[in-house]
C-alpha cells in the first residue's frame, strides 16, 4: 500500500509539471464539470465579460449601419438645368390636362347620347364634353390665322359651342355626335372672331361675313388666274355689292383711330375736329327754305280759284298729313268713288301745268304729290 501511494504522488507531480499555466475555455456548448467559483473569482470574471461584450456590441452597431446604408440606393445627380422646375405655358398645361380624358368609342358615344337625351344627367353631359375637348382644339387651329392673340380664347368659345351641341343633339336622327358638334363649335368660334376683330364691330350683315372670310382668298385666286382683283369683279364672283367690297377692304387694311387722339404728337387738334358734318350744308338749308316759302305761296294762290269739290280734294287729301279716302269724299258730296278719282286726276294735271308756268324748274323742288 505504501508503495502504491508513493507512485500516485510521483504521477501527480509529473502531471503538474506538464500541465500548462493557462487553459483556454471550450468553444463548444458542452457541459463541463468545473470546480465551484470562489467569491473572489466571481467579480473578476464579470468584469472580464463586460470588457469582452463591448467591442462586440460596437461591431454589431457598425454592421447594422453598413446594412442600412446599403439599403438606401443613391440617386444619380441631376445637372443644374434639370433641377429647376419645368414651367408650362397655359396652352401646354391645358393640352396636358385634356389628354387625361379618354376618347369614346362609337358604341359608347351612341349609348351616352341616348341616355342624356332621355335623362339630361349632367354626369353624362360631362363625359360627352370632356371626351371631345381635343376636337375643339383641332377645329380652333383652323381659325388661328384669323385670331393672332390668345389661342385659348378660340378654344374657350369652341368649348361653349360643344356644350350647346350636347344640349341640342338628337341621337335618333342618324348623325354622329362629333360631326354635329363640329358645326356648333365653328359657329361659336366664328361669332367670337367677328365680335372681337375690331373695336368697331365687323360682320354685322351676311355680305360682310362672306367678305370677311373670302375676300383675301378670292383676291389670291384672281391673281393666280392673271386677273386684276378689282372690287367690281370680286363683287360679281361673291354675289355681293361693290360698295360692300370697298368698305370691307378699307376696314381690313386699316386699324382703329381714336377720335380723341391728337393729329400729331405736338398738336392740340383732335381727329374729331376735322370730321365732315353728315348733315346738309347751311347754304343748302337756306336755299331749301326759300324754295319752300315760294312754293307755299304759289299753292295758296292756286287753291283760291278751285271749286268746292276740287278744294276739298286739294287741301284735305293731297296736302293733308292725314288724307281723306275717296270713299269719304264721295259720301260728303253724294258721288261715287270713281267720280272722286276722276276729279282728283283732272286737278293734278291742272296743278302741274300751273307749277311749270310759275316755276320752270319745279321738277327739282322737294314736292311730292301722289294720288292715293
Protein backbone atom coordinates (compact mmCIF):
# COMPACT_ATOMS: atom_id res chain seq x y z
CA UNK A 1 0.00 0.00 0.00
CA UNK A 2 2.76 2.41 0.91
CA UNK A 3 4.39 1.71 -2.42
CA UNK A 4 1.14 2.44 -4.41
CA UNK A 5 0.64 5.73 -2.52
CA UNK A 6 4.16 6.83 -3.36
CA UNK A 7 3.64 6.02 -7.09
CA UNK A 8 0.44 8.10 -7.23
CA UNK A 9 2.14 11.13 -5.64
CA UNK A 10 5.01 10.94 -8.13
CA UNK A 11 2.48 10.74 -11.01
CA UNK A 12 0.67 13.86 -9.73
CA UNK A 13 3.92 15.79 -9.58
CA UNK A 14 4.72 14.80 -13.18
CA UNK A 15 1.23 15.89 -14.35
CA UNK A 16 1.55 19.24 -12.58
CA UNK A 17 4.86 19.89 -14.32
CA UNK A 18 3.44 19.02 -17.78
CA UNK A 19 0.13 20.95 -17.30
CA UNK A 20 0.15 24.48 -18.95
CA UNK A 21 -0.25 27.50 -16.81
CA UNK A 22 -3.50 28.74 -18.61
CA UNK A 23 -6.24 26.60 -20.03
CA UNK A 24 -8.49 28.03 -22.78
CA UNK A 25 -12.27 27.88 -22.35
CA UNK A 26 -14.05 25.37 -24.56
CA UNK A 27 -15.90 26.88 -27.53
CA UNK A 28 -18.49 24.11 -27.72
CA UNK A 29 -21.57 24.31 -25.60
CA UNK A 30 -20.74 21.05 -23.86
CA UNK A 31 -21.34 20.82 -20.15
CA UNK A 32 -18.04 20.60 -18.31
CA UNK A 33 -17.62 19.87 -14.64
CA UNK A 34 -15.74 22.84 -13.30
CA UNK A 35 -14.84 23.49 -9.76
CA UNK A 36 -17.16 25.96 -7.98
CA UNK A 37 -16.21 29.63 -8.20
CA UNK A 38 -14.96 31.38 -5.17
CA UNK A 39 -16.31 34.78 -4.01
CA UNK A 40 -13.04 36.43 -5.05
CA UNK A 41 -13.03 34.99 -8.61
CA UNK A 42 -16.69 35.93 -9.45
CA UNK A 43 -16.32 39.79 -9.75
CA UNK A 44 -13.15 39.37 -11.77
CA UNK A 45 -14.92 37.14 -14.31
CA UNK A 46 -17.91 39.52 -14.59
CA UNK A 47 -15.61 42.44 -15.31
CA UNK A 48 -13.84 40.38 -17.92
CA UNK A 49 -17.20 39.52 -19.62
CA UNK A 50 -18.20 43.18 -19.77
CA UNK A 51 -14.93 44.09 -21.45
CA UNK A 52 -15.38 41.30 -23.99
CA UNK A 53 -19.02 42.30 -24.74
CA UNK A 54 -18.41 45.98 -25.54
CA UNK A 55 -16.44 45.59 -28.76
CA UNK A 56 -18.95 43.01 -29.98
CA UNK A 57 -21.81 45.49 -29.42
CA UNK A 58 -19.95 48.22 -31.27
CA UNK A 59 -19.20 45.84 -34.11
CA UNK A 60 -22.90 44.87 -34.29
CA UNK A 61 -23.95 48.54 -34.40
CA UNK A 62 -21.39 49.31 -37.10
CA UNK A 63 -22.56 46.30 -39.07
CA UNK A 64 -26.19 47.45 -38.79
CA UNK A 65 -25.31 50.92 -40.01
CA UNK A 66 -23.49 49.47 -43.00
CA UNK A 67 -26.55 47.40 -43.85
CA UNK A 68 -28.80 50.46 -43.57
CA UNK A 69 -26.52 52.41 -45.86
CA UNK A 70 -26.57 49.59 -48.37
CA UNK A 71 -30.40 49.57 -48.36
CA UNK A 72 -30.62 53.26 -49.41
CA UNK A 73 -29.68 53.48 -53.12
CA UNK A 74 -28.06 56.68 -54.18
CA UNK A 75 -29.84 58.67 -56.97
CA UNK A 76 -27.72 59.99 -59.81
CA UNK A 77 -27.05 63.70 -59.54
CA UNK A 78 -29.05 65.81 -62.00
CA UNK A 79 -27.47 68.66 -63.90
CA UNK A 80 -28.26 72.16 -62.72
CA UNK A 81 -30.62 72.84 -65.66
CA UNK A 82 -32.87 69.86 -64.84
CA UNK A 83 -33.09 70.65 -61.15
CA UNK A 84 -35.09 73.81 -61.89
CA UNK A 85 -38.90 73.29 -62.02
CA UNK A 86 -40.33 72.95 -65.53
CA UNK A 87 -42.86 75.75 -66.13
CA UNK A 88 -45.51 75.10 -68.80
CA UNK A 89 -47.36 77.91 -70.54
CA UNK A 90 -51.19 77.89 -70.17
CA UNK A 91 -51.75 76.28 -73.57
CA UNK A 92 -49.34 73.40 -72.90
CA UNK A 93 -50.85 72.91 -69.46
CA UNK A 94 -54.35 72.79 -70.96
CA UNK A 95 -53.35 70.27 -73.63
CA UNK A 96 -51.72 68.15 -70.94
CA UNK A 97 -54.89 68.20 -68.84
CA UNK A 98 -57.33 67.30 -71.62
CA UNK A 99 -55.12 64.39 -72.70
CA UNK A 100 -56.09 62.68 -69.43
CA UNK A 101 -59.70 62.24 -70.57
CA UNK A 102 -60.20 59.06 -72.62
CA UNK A 103 -61.86 59.12 -76.01
CA UNK A 104 -65.18 57.35 -76.52
CA UNK A 105 -65.78 54.55 -78.96
CA UNK A 106 -68.66 54.81 -81.42
CA UNK A 107 -70.75 52.46 -79.30
CA UNK A 108 -70.02 54.34 -76.06
CA UNK A 109 -70.80 57.67 -77.67
CA UNK A 110 -74.11 56.41 -79.06
CA UNK A 111 -75.08 54.92 -75.71
CA UNK A 112 -74.24 58.07 -73.73
CA UNK A 113 -76.01 60.43 -76.14
CA UNK A 114 -79.19 58.37 -75.94
CA UNK A 115 -79.02 58.26 -72.15
CA UNK A 116 -78.53 62.00 -71.92
CA UNK A 117 -81.35 62.63 -74.40
CA UNK A 118 -83.69 60.79 -72.03
CA UNK A 119 -82.38 61.69 -68.58
CA UNK A 120 -80.48 65.00 -69.05
CA UNK A 121 -77.99 63.73 -66.47
CA UNK A 122 -75.16 66.28 -66.01
CA UNK A 123 -72.66 63.49 -65.33
CA UNK A 124 -73.30 62.04 -68.78
CA UNK A 125 -73.00 65.51 -70.32
CA UNK A 126 -69.68 65.91 -68.53
CA UNK A 127 -68.33 62.73 -70.12
CA UNK A 128 -69.51 63.76 -73.59
CA UNK A 129 -67.89 67.18 -73.27
CA UNK A 130 -64.56 66.06 -71.81
CA UNK A 131 -64.13 63.28 -74.35
CA UNK A 132 -64.46 65.79 -77.22
CA UNK A 133 -62.24 68.59 -75.90
CA UNK A 134 -59.49 67.57 -78.32
CA UNK A 135 -61.95 68.03 -81.20
CA UNK A 136 -62.37 71.67 -80.16
CA UNK A 137 -58.61 72.23 -80.26
CA UNK A 138 -58.38 70.68 -83.73
CA UNK A 139 -61.14 72.94 -85.12
CA UNK A 140 -59.76 76.04 -83.39
CA UNK A 141 -56.42 75.52 -85.15
CA UNK A 142 -58.15 76.12 -88.50
CA UNK A 143 -59.18 79.62 -87.35
CA UNK A 144 -55.92 80.62 -85.69
CA UNK A 145 -54.87 82.72 -88.70
CA UNK A 146 -57.89 84.98 -88.10
CA UNK A 147 -57.05 85.46 -84.40
CA UNK A 148 -53.42 86.30 -83.69
CA UNK A 149 -53.99 86.90 -79.99
CA UNK A 150 -54.50 84.30 -77.26
CA UNK A 151 -55.30 80.95 -78.86
CA UNK A 152 -57.08 79.85 -75.69
CA UNK A 153 -59.82 82.40 -76.47
CA UNK A 154 -60.83 80.36 -79.51
CA UNK A 155 -60.69 77.13 -77.53
CA UNK A 156 -62.88 78.62 -74.82
CA UNK A 157 -65.56 79.72 -77.28
CA UNK A 158 -65.39 76.35 -79.01
CA UNK A 159 -65.98 74.61 -75.68
CA UNK A 160 -69.13 76.69 -75.20
CA UNK A 161 -70.31 75.57 -78.63
CA UNK A 162 -69.54 71.96 -77.69
CA UNK A 163 -71.73 72.23 -74.59
CA UNK A 164 -74.57 73.65 -76.68
CA UNK A 165 -74.19 70.73 -79.08
CA UNK A 166 -74.60 68.28 -76.19
CA UNK A 167 -77.84 70.01 -75.18
CA UNK A 168 -79.30 70.15 -78.69
CA UNK A 169 -78.17 66.80 -80.09
CA UNK A 170 -80.82 64.28 -81.12
CA UNK A 171 -79.25 60.80 -81.29
CA UNK A 172 -82.18 59.36 -83.24
CA UNK A 173 -81.52 61.33 -86.44
CA UNK A 174 -78.69 59.07 -87.58
CA UNK A 175 -75.92 61.68 -87.31
CA UNK A 176 -72.64 61.15 -85.48
CA UNK A 177 -72.30 63.42 -82.46
CA UNK A 178 -68.79 64.67 -83.28
CA UNK A 179 -69.92 65.67 -86.78
CA UNK A 180 -72.92 67.53 -85.36
CA UNK A 181 -70.84 69.20 -82.64
CA UNK A 182 -68.27 70.49 -85.14
CA UNK A 183 -70.86 72.90 -86.61
CA UNK A 184 -71.69 74.33 -83.18
CA UNK A 185 -68.00 74.70 -82.35
CA UNK A 186 -67.28 76.52 -85.62
CA UNK A 187 -70.30 78.80 -85.19
CA UNK A 188 -69.23 79.97 -81.74
CA UNK A 189 -65.62 80.50 -82.80
CA UNK A 190 -66.68 82.48 -85.87
CA UNK A 191 -69.02 84.67 -83.84
CA UNK A 192 -66.28 85.40 -81.32
CA UNK A 193 -63.84 86.43 -84.06
CA UNK A 194 -66.40 88.68 -85.75
CA UNK A 195 -67.34 90.38 -82.48
CA UNK A 196 -63.76 90.99 -81.36
CA UNK A 197 -61.84 91.56 -84.59
CA UNK A 198 -62.03 95.33 -84.19
CA UNK A 199 -63.26 97.74 -81.55
CA UNK A 200 -65.93 98.71 -84.06
CA UNK A 201 -67.99 95.61 -84.69
CA UNK A 202 -67.49 94.00 -88.07
CA UNK A 203 -69.55 91.48 -89.99
CA UNK A 204 -72.99 92.66 -88.96
CA UNK A 205 -74.58 91.53 -92.26
CA UNK A 206 -74.40 88.33 -94.25
CA UNK A 207 -72.50 90.06 -97.07
CA UNK A 208 -69.88 91.40 -94.64
CA UNK A 209 -69.40 87.97 -93.09
CA UNK A 210 -68.94 86.42 -96.52
CA UNK A 211 -66.37 89.06 -97.46
CA UNK A 212 -64.54 88.78 -94.15
CA UNK A 213 -63.74 85.10 -94.72
CA UNK A 214 -63.47 85.02 -98.52
CA UNK A 215 -62.14 88.40 -99.69
CA UNK A 216 -58.46 87.56 -99.26
CA UNK A 217 -58.83 84.08 -100.76
CA UNK A 218 -60.73 85.47 -103.75
CA UNK A 219 -58.01 88.06 -104.37
CA UNK A 220 -55.31 85.39 -104.31
CA UNK A 221 -57.37 83.21 -106.65
CA UNK A 222 -57.81 86.03 -109.17
CA UNK A 223 -54.10 86.89 -109.01
CA UNK A 224 -53.22 83.27 -109.73
CA UNK A 225 -55.56 83.33 -112.74
CA UNK A 226 -53.94 86.50 -114.07
CA UNK A 227 -56.83 88.89 -113.34
CA UNK A 228 -56.73 92.21 -111.55
CA UNK A 229 -58.72 91.75 -108.30
CA UNK A 230 -60.89 94.82 -108.81
CA UNK A 231 -63.85 95.38 -106.44
CA UNK A 232 -66.34 95.02 -109.28
CA UNK A 233 -65.00 91.63 -110.33
CA UNK A 234 -64.89 90.40 -106.73
CA UNK A 235 -68.46 91.55 -106.12
CA UNK A 236 -69.67 89.58 -109.15
CA UNK A 237 -67.87 86.41 -108.10
CA UNK A 238 -69.03 86.59 -104.47
CA UNK A 239 -72.52 87.88 -105.31
CA UNK A 240 -72.29 90.99 -103.13
CA UNK A 241 -72.43 94.72 -103.79
CA UNK A 242 -69.34 96.55 -104.99
CA UNK A 243 -69.75 99.08 -102.16
CA UNK A 244 -69.54 96.26 -99.61
CA UNK A 245 -66.28 95.04 -101.15
CA UNK A 246 -64.71 98.51 -100.99
CA UNK A 247 -65.85 99.04 -97.41
CA UNK A 248 -64.54 95.66 -96.24
CA UNK A 249 -61.16 96.26 -97.93
CA UNK A 250 -60.81 99.53 -96.06
CA UNK A 251 -61.79 98.02 -92.72
CA UNK A 252 -59.46 95.04 -93.05
CA UNK A 253 -56.47 97.05 -94.24
CA UNK A 254 -56.72 99.86 -91.67
CA UNK A 255 -56.91 99.96 -87.92
CA UNK A 256 -58.90 102.00 -85.44
CA UNK A 257 -58.02 105.59 -84.61
CA UNK A 258 -59.44 107.29 -81.57
CA UNK A 259 -61.37 110.46 -82.38
CA UNK A 260 -60.00 111.97 -79.17
CA UNK A 261 -56.38 111.34 -80.20
CA UNK A 262 -54.34 114.33 -81.43
CA UNK A 263 -53.45 114.54 -85.10
CA UNK A 264 -49.79 114.99 -84.22
CA UNK A 265 -47.81 114.42 -81.07
CA UNK A 266 -47.19 118.13 -80.56
CA UNK A 267 -50.67 119.28 -81.62
CA UNK A 268 -53.79 120.06 -79.61
CA UNK A 269 -56.08 119.44 -82.58
CA UNK A 270 -58.07 116.21 -82.41
CA UNK A 271 -59.28 113.95 -85.21
CA UNK A 272 -62.91 114.66 -84.39
CA UNK A 273 -62.38 118.36 -85.13
CA UNK A 274 -61.85 117.55 -88.81
CA UNK A 275 -64.75 115.15 -89.37
CA UNK A 276 -67.16 116.07 -92.12
CA UNK A 277 -70.63 117.04 -90.96
CA UNK A 278 -73.04 114.40 -92.32
CA UNK A 279 -75.91 116.91 -92.26
CA UNK A 280 -76.78 119.34 -95.07
CA UNK A 281 -74.73 122.45 -95.52
CA UNK A 282 -76.01 125.78 -94.24
CA UNK A 283 -76.21 127.18 -97.77
CA UNK A 284 -78.38 124.27 -98.90
CA UNK A 285 -80.68 124.69 -95.92
CA UNK A 286 -81.21 128.40 -96.66
CA UNK A 287 -81.89 127.73 -100.34
CA UNK A 288 -84.33 124.97 -99.49
CA UNK A 289 -86.22 127.21 -97.08
CA UNK A 290 -86.55 129.93 -99.71
CA UNK A 291 -87.89 127.47 -102.27
CA UNK A 292 -90.44 126.06 -99.82
CA UNK A 293 -91.68 129.53 -98.91
CA UNK A 294 -92.11 130.40 -102.57
CA UNK A 295 -93.85 127.09 -103.29
CA UNK A 296 -96.20 127.57 -100.37
CA UNK A 297 -97.34 130.96 -101.64
CA UNK A 298 -97.90 129.57 -105.15
CA UNK A 299 -100.04 126.72 -103.82
CA UNK A 300 -102.13 129.10 -101.75
CA UNK A 301 -102.71 131.20 -104.85
CA UNK A 302 -103.62 128.08 -106.83
CA UNK A 303 -106.21 126.98 -104.24
CA UNK A 304 -108.16 130.23 -104.37
CA UNK A 305 -109.60 129.55 -107.84
CA UNK A 306 -110.70 125.94 -107.14
CA UNK A 307 -114.29 124.73 -106.91
CA UNK A 308 -115.71 123.15 -103.74
CA UNK A 309 -115.01 119.52 -104.64
CA UNK A 310 -111.55 120.33 -106.01
CA UNK A 311 -110.72 122.45 -102.93
CA UNK A 312 -111.64 119.56 -100.57
CA UNK A 313 -109.57 117.11 -102.60
CA UNK A 314 -106.64 119.56 -102.79
CA UNK A 315 -106.45 120.56 -99.12
CA UNK A 316 -107.90 117.53 -97.31
CA UNK A 317 -106.44 114.79 -99.49
CA UNK A 318 -103.38 115.97 -101.46
CA UNK A 319 -101.82 118.34 -98.90
CA UNK A 320 -103.11 116.86 -95.64
CA UNK A 321 -100.95 114.76 -93.30
CA UNK A 322 -104.00 112.53 -92.69
CA UNK A 323 -105.66 112.46 -96.14
CA UNK A 324 -109.29 111.51 -96.63
CA UNK A 325 -110.14 108.45 -98.69
CA UNK A 326 -112.03 108.53 -101.96
CA UNK A 327 -114.98 106.90 -100.20
CA UNK A 328 -115.14 109.62 -97.50
CA UNK A 329 -115.06 112.44 -100.05
CA UNK A 330 -117.70 110.69 -102.18
CA UNK A 331 -120.03 110.31 -99.20
CA UNK A 332 -119.62 114.01 -98.35
CA UNK A 333 -120.73 115.15 -101.83
CA UNK A 334 -123.01 112.21 -102.63
CA UNK A 335 -120.94 110.92 -105.54
CA UNK A 336 -119.15 107.66 -106.27
CA UNK A 337 -115.52 106.86 -105.56
CA UNK A 338 -114.81 106.67 -109.27
CA UNK A 339 -116.13 110.19 -109.77
CA UNK A 340 -113.89 111.50 -106.98
CA UNK A 341 -110.88 109.79 -108.59
CA UNK A 342 -111.64 111.47 -111.94
CA UNK A 343 -111.85 114.91 -110.29
CA UNK A 344 -108.55 114.28 -108.48
CA UNK A 345 -106.80 113.26 -111.69
CA UNK A 346 -108.01 116.38 -113.51
CA UNK A 347 -106.90 118.53 -110.54
CA UNK A 348 -103.35 117.09 -110.59
CA UNK A 349 -102.95 117.86 -114.30
CA UNK A 350 -104.07 121.42 -113.67
CA UNK A 351 -101.61 121.76 -110.74
CA UNK A 352 -98.61 120.50 -112.76
CA UNK A 353 -99.35 122.94 -115.53
CA UNK A 354 -99.71 125.79 -113.05
CA UNK A 355 -96.39 125.00 -111.36
CA UNK A 356 -94.50 124.81 -114.66
CA UNK A 357 -95.74 128.27 -115.54
CA UNK A 358 -94.74 129.76 -112.19
CA UNK A 359 -91.64 127.60 -111.56
CA UNK A 360 -89.83 126.42 -114.71
CA UNK A 361 -87.58 124.07 -112.67
CA UNK A 362 -90.43 122.74 -110.49
CA UNK A 363 -89.33 119.11 -111.02
CA UNK A 364 -86.20 119.77 -108.92
CA UNK A 365 -88.15 121.17 -105.99
CA UNK A 366 -88.89 118.98 -102.95
CA UNK A 367 -92.57 118.44 -103.71
CA UNK A 368 -94.26 115.08 -103.95
CA UNK A 369 -97.97 115.00 -104.64
CA UNK A 370 -99.27 111.47 -105.18
CA UNK A 371 -102.76 110.23 -105.62
CA UNK A 372 -103.84 107.71 -103.04
